[in-house]
Amino acid sequence: MELLQTNQIKEALAITTSLVAVDADNAETQETHALALIAQGWNFLEFRDDSAAEDSWERALEAYQHACRLTENPGLLQLSTGQLAQMLHNDDVAIQYYTQSHSNNIEDERASFFLSQIYLLQKEWPKAKHWLEESVKRNATEPFALISLALAEAELGNCLEALQFSTKGCSILPEDPNIRFVQARVVRLCGNPQQAMEILLALPTHMQETEMFLEELNFCKQELNVD
């Protein structure tokens, strides 16, 4: 770990590889090996070797999974495993470990929030709503969970709840452009494209240059019948 902290990745990986060779059924060894492989992956990515980076991360995911199977008290290991799986677009594995992490870390809201983001991207609104409610139960003042719950409610047609959650999320972090963008979508879905457009046009310039901004703005214009 000291080697990793000083960016001596090759040396750290050499040690963890040797440790795995002699004691593969040690959870701590597998977890540390995974960390070394993750660091190696980022190093490969820095030199634009995407294929090598992904291979290193896939091996890290295997090590994390092995570590989870070996320990009776995984702590946040399952959360880390889910995050790496999600980064690798392996949603099935991510869902498995996030669900386990949510059950085993009863005060931590992150696993349920990350689960909700998978289901939001898949447009599975009831599942997204469920996991966001679980997240908000554990942290009622997390603005990104609140605004995400607002979006899920809006997509399900529950506009009273959607606008309430949207207002609360924005009040906690009023200047965040990502939260304001989702607020605009919630407002549009709840039948007020004019207000949604006003929110969008108040966003920073760099946000207005994104594809998702232009798409959302176009939805507003279509509903208002303007060019």
Protein backbone atom coordinates (compact mmCIF):
# COMPACT_ATOMS: atom_id res chain seq x y z
CA MET A 1 0.00 0.00 0.00
CA GLU A 2 2.90 2.36 0.68
CA LEU A 3 4.20 1.67 -2.82
CA LEU A 4 0.81 2.45 -4.35
CA GLN A 5 0.61 5.71 -2.41
CA THR A 6 3.95 6.76 -3.93
CA ASN A 7 2.89 5.66 -7.43
CA GLN A 8 5.32 2.73 -7.52
CA ILE A 9 2.70 0.59 -9.23
CA LYS A 10 4.96 -2.01 -10.85
CA GLU A 11 6.68 -2.74 -7.56
CA ALA A 12 3.38 -2.98 -5.69
CA LEU A 13 1.90 -5.28 -8.31
CA ALA A 14 4.97 -7.52 -8.21
CA ILE A 15 4.51 -7.96 -4.46
CA THR A 16 0.76 -8.62 -4.60
CA THR A 17 1.19 -11.07 -7.49
CA SER A 18 3.71 -13.01 -5.44
CA LEU A 19 1.42 -12.98 -2.41
CA VAL A 20 -1.52 -14.28 -4.47
CA ALA A 21 0.69 -17.06 -5.86
CA VAL A 22 1.43 -18.40 -2.36
CA ASP A 23 -1.82 -17.51 -0.57
CA ALA A 24 -4.68 -17.07 -3.03
CA ASP A 25 -7.33 -17.74 -0.39
CA ASN A 26 -6.51 -14.72 1.72
CA ALA A 27 -9.15 -11.99 1.45
CA GLU A 28 -6.80 -9.15 2.35
CA THR A 29 -4.26 -10.33 -0.22
CA GLN A 30 -6.91 -10.45 -2.95
CA GLU A 31 -8.25 -7.01 -2.04
CA THR A 32 -4.77 -5.45 -2.08
CA HIS A 33 -4.02 -7.19 -5.38
CA ALA A 34 -7.20 -5.68 -6.80
CA LEU A 35 -6.10 -2.20 -5.71
CA ALA A 36 -2.75 -2.67 -7.44
CA LEU A 37 -4.48 -3.83 -10.62
CA ILE A 38 -6.84 -0.84 -10.52
CA ALA A 39 -3.86 1.51 -10.20
CA GLN A 40 -2.17 -0.25 -13.10
CA GLY A 41 -5.32 0.20 -15.17
CA TRP A 42 -5.33 3.96 -14.58
CA ASN A 43 -1.67 4.04 -15.50
CA PHE A 44 -2.39 2.26 -18.78
CA LEU A 45 -5.22 4.69 -19.47
CA GLU A 46 -2.90 7.63 -18.90
CA PHE A 47 -0.83 6.31 -21.81
CA ARG A 48 -4.02 5.75 -23.86
CA ASP A 49 -3.82 1.97 -23.80
CA ASP A 50 -7.54 1.43 -23.26
CA SER A 51 -7.46 -2.31 -23.94
CA ALA A 52 -4.73 -2.97 -21.37
CA ALA A 53 -6.52 -0.75 -18.85
CA GLU A 54 -9.78 -2.66 -19.22
CA ASP A 55 -7.97 -6.00 -18.95
CA SER A 56 -6.31 -4.86 -15.73
CA TRP A 57 -9.64 -3.70 -14.29
CA GLU A 58 -11.34 -6.97 -15.24
CA ARG A 59 -8.64 -8.86 -13.36
CA ALA A 60 -9.13 -6.49 -10.43
CA LEU A 61 -12.85 -7.24 -10.45
CA GLU A 62 -12.11 -10.97 -10.28
CA ALA A 63 -9.80 -10.36 -7.31
CA TYR A 64 -12.44 -8.25 -5.56
CA GLN A 65 -15.07 -10.95 -6.10
CA HIS A 66 -12.70 -13.58 -4.76
CA ALA A 67 -12.03 -11.43 -1.69
CA CYS A 68 -15.78 -11.02 -1.09
CA ARG A 69 -16.26 -14.79 -1.17
CA LEU A 70 -13.43 -15.29 1.33
CA THR A 71 -14.51 -12.89 4.05
CA GLU A 72 -17.37 -13.11 6.51
CA ASN A 73 -17.26 -9.38 7.23
CA PRO A 74 -16.76 -7.61 3.88
CA GLY A 75 -17.36 -4.10 5.20
CA LEU A 76 -17.28 -1.77 2.20
CA LEU A 77 -15.56 -4.34 -0.03
CA GLN A 78 -18.86 -5.22 -1.68
CA LEU A 79 -19.47 -1.54 -2.44
CA SER A 80 -16.04 -1.25 -4.09
CA THR A 81 -16.74 -4.40 -6.10
CA GLY A 82 -20.04 -2.99 -7.30
CA GLN A 83 -18.43 0.32 -8.26
CA LEU A 84 -15.74 -1.38 -10.31
CA ALA A 85 -18.29 -3.61 -12.01
CA GLN A 86 -20.43 -0.57 -12.83
CA MET A 87 -17.39 1.23 -14.26
CA LEU A 88 -16.87 -1.81 -16.51
CA HIS A 89 -20.56 -1.66 -17.56
CA ASN A 90 -21.20 -5.05 -15.95
CA ASP A 91 -24.55 -4.11 -14.49
CA ASP A 92 -25.52 -7.62 -13.40
CA VAL A 93 -22.45 -7.96 -11.18
CA ALA A 94 -22.78 -4.38 -9.97
CA ILE A 95 -26.40 -4.95 -8.93
CA GLN A 96 -25.44 -8.15 -7.10
CA TYR A 97 -22.75 -6.52 -4.98
CA TYR A 98 -24.56 -3.22 -4.42
CA THR A 99 -27.55 -5.19 -3.11
CA GLN A 100 -25.30 -7.15 -0.76
CA SER A 101 -23.55 -3.98 0.38
CA HIS A 102 -26.88 -2.29 1.09
CA SER A 103 -27.93 -5.21 3.28
CA ASN A 104 -24.62 -5.51 5.13
CA ASN A 105 -23.96 -1.79 5.75
CA ILE A 106 -27.22 -0.64 7.24
CA GLU A 107 -26.31 3.03 7.68
CA ASP A 108 -24.60 3.59 4.32
CA GLU A 109 -26.80 5.12 1.61
CA ARG A 110 -24.33 4.85 -1.26
CA ALA A 111 -25.06 1.33 -2.51
CA SER A 112 -28.78 2.03 -2.88
CA PHE A 113 -28.02 5.33 -4.64
CA PHE A 114 -25.65 3.64 -7.10
CA LEU A 115 -28.25 0.94 -7.71
CA SER A 116 -30.81 3.62 -8.52
CA GLN A 117 -28.52 5.19 -11.11
CA ILE A 118 -28.28 1.88 -12.97
CA TYR A 119 -32.05 1.61 -13.08
CA LEU A 120 -32.47 5.27 -14.07
CA LEU A 121 -30.20 4.70 -17.07
CA GLN A 122 -32.21 1.58 -17.92
CA LYS A 123 -35.42 3.63 -17.56
CA GLU A 124 -36.76 1.16 -15.02
CA TRP A 125 -38.52 3.86 -13.06
CA PRO A 126 -40.21 1.75 -10.31
CA LYS A 127 -36.92 0.05 -9.40
CA ALA A 128 -35.09 3.38 -9.50
CA LYS A 129 -37.73 4.91 -7.22
CA HIS A 130 -37.46 2.01 -4.76
CA TRP A 131 -33.69 2.27 -4.37
CA LEU A 132 -33.77 6.05 -4.16
CA GLU A 133 -36.33 5.84 -1.38
CA GLU A 134 -34.00 3.42 0.39
CA SER A 135 -31.12 5.86 -0.05
CA VAL A 136 -33.12 8.84 1.20
CA LYS A 137 -34.23 6.85 4.26
CA ARG A 138 -30.58 6.68 5.26
CA ASN A 139 -29.65 10.23 4.25
CA ALA A 140 -32.58 12.58 3.87
CA THR A 141 -30.43 15.56 2.87
CA GLU A 142 -28.41 14.12 -0.02
CA PRO A 143 -29.30 16.49 -2.90
CA PHE A 144 -28.40 14.14 -5.75
CA ALA A 145 -30.57 11.37 -4.30
CA LEU A 146 -33.44 13.82 -3.83
CA ILE A 147 -33.27 15.20 -7.37
CA SER A 148 -32.95 11.69 -8.79
CA LEU A 149 -36.01 10.63 -6.81
CA ALA A 150 -37.81 13.66 -8.21
CA LEU A 151 -36.99 12.46 -11.73
CA ALA A 152 -38.19 8.91 -11.04
CA GLU A 153 -41.44 10.24 -9.58
CA ALA A 154 -41.95 12.56 -12.57
CA GLU A 155 -41.39 9.70 -15.02
CA LEU A 156 -44.01 7.71 -13.11
CA GLY A 157 -46.46 10.63 -13.31
CA ASN A 158 -46.31 11.47 -9.61
CA CYS A 159 -45.80 15.18 -10.14
CA LEU A 160 -46.73 16.49 -6.68
CA GLU A 161 -44.05 14.30 -5.09
CA ALA A 162 -41.62 14.99 -7.92
CA LEU A 163 -41.80 18.75 -7.51
CA GLN A 164 -41.48 18.50 -3.74
CA PHE A 165 -38.33 16.38 -3.94
CA SER A 166 -36.96 18.64 -6.69
CA THR A 167 -37.46 21.76 -4.58
CA LYS A 168 -35.80 20.15 -1.57
CA GLY A 169 -32.79 18.92 -3.57
CA CYS A 170 -32.27 22.33 -5.18
CA SER A 171 -32.54 24.12 -1.85
CA ILE A 172 -29.64 22.10 -0.49
CA LEU A 173 -27.32 22.66 -3.46
CA PRO A 174 -28.85 25.55 -5.41
CA GLU A 175 -25.93 26.41 -7.68
CA ASP A 176 -25.09 22.92 -8.96
CA PRO A 177 -25.76 22.86 -12.73
CA ASN A 178 -26.37 19.11 -12.83
CA ILE A 179 -29.09 19.36 -10.22
CA ARG A 180 -30.63 22.33 -12.03
CA PHE A 181 -30.59 20.38 -15.30
CA VAL A 182 -32.52 17.49 -13.75
CA GLN A 183 -34.87 20.02 -12.14
CA ALA A 184 -35.64 21.37 -15.60
CA ARG A 185 -36.47 17.90 -16.86
CA VAL A 186 -38.72 17.25 -13.85
CA VAL A 187 -40.54 20.53 -14.38
CA ARG A 188 -41.06 19.77 -18.08
CA LEU A 189 -42.33 16.26 -17.36
CA CYS A 190 -44.75 17.79 -14.88
CA GLY A 191 -46.29 20.03 -17.54
CA ASN A 192 -44.39 23.33 -17.42
CA PRO A 193 -42.00 23.44 -20.42
CA GLN A 194 -41.76 27.26 -20.25
CA GLN A 195 -40.33 27.20 -16.72
CA ALA A 196 -38.13 24.27 -17.67
CA MET A 197 -36.68 26.25 -20.57
CA GLU A 198 -35.98 29.21 -18.28
CA ILE A 199 -34.07 26.94 -15.91
CA LEU A 200 -32.09 25.47 -18.80
CA LEU A 201 -31.15 28.84 -20.27
CA ALA A 202 -29.81 29.96 -16.90
CA LEU A 203 -27.27 27.11 -16.83
CA PRO A 204 -23.55 27.81 -17.40
CA THR A 205 -22.25 28.03 -20.96
CA HIS A 206 -20.27 24.80 -20.74
CA MET A 207 -23.47 22.97 -19.79
CA GLN A 208 -25.39 24.50 -22.68
CA GLU A 209 -22.87 23.08 -25.14
CA THR A 210 -23.62 19.47 -24.21
CA GLU A 211 -25.73 17.09 -26.25
CA MET A 212 -28.07 16.32 -23.36
CA PHE A 213 -28.77 20.04 -22.88
CA LEU A 214 -29.65 20.52 -26.54
CA GLU A 215 -31.89 17.47 -26.46
CA GLU A 216 -33.75 18.65 -23.38
CA LEU A 217 -34.10 22.17 -24.79
CA ASN A 218 -35.54 20.70 -27.97
CA PHE A 219 -38.14 18.78 -25.96
CA CYS A 220 -39.20 22.05 -24.32
CA LYS A 221 -39.47 23.81 -27.68
CA GLN A 222 -41.52 20.98 -29.16
CA GLU A 223 -43.98 21.14 -26.28
CA LEU A 224 -44.19 24.93 -26.60
CA ASN A 225 -44.40 24.76 -30.44
CA VAL A 226 -41.53 27.22 -30.88
CA ASP A 227 -38.38 27.10 -33.05
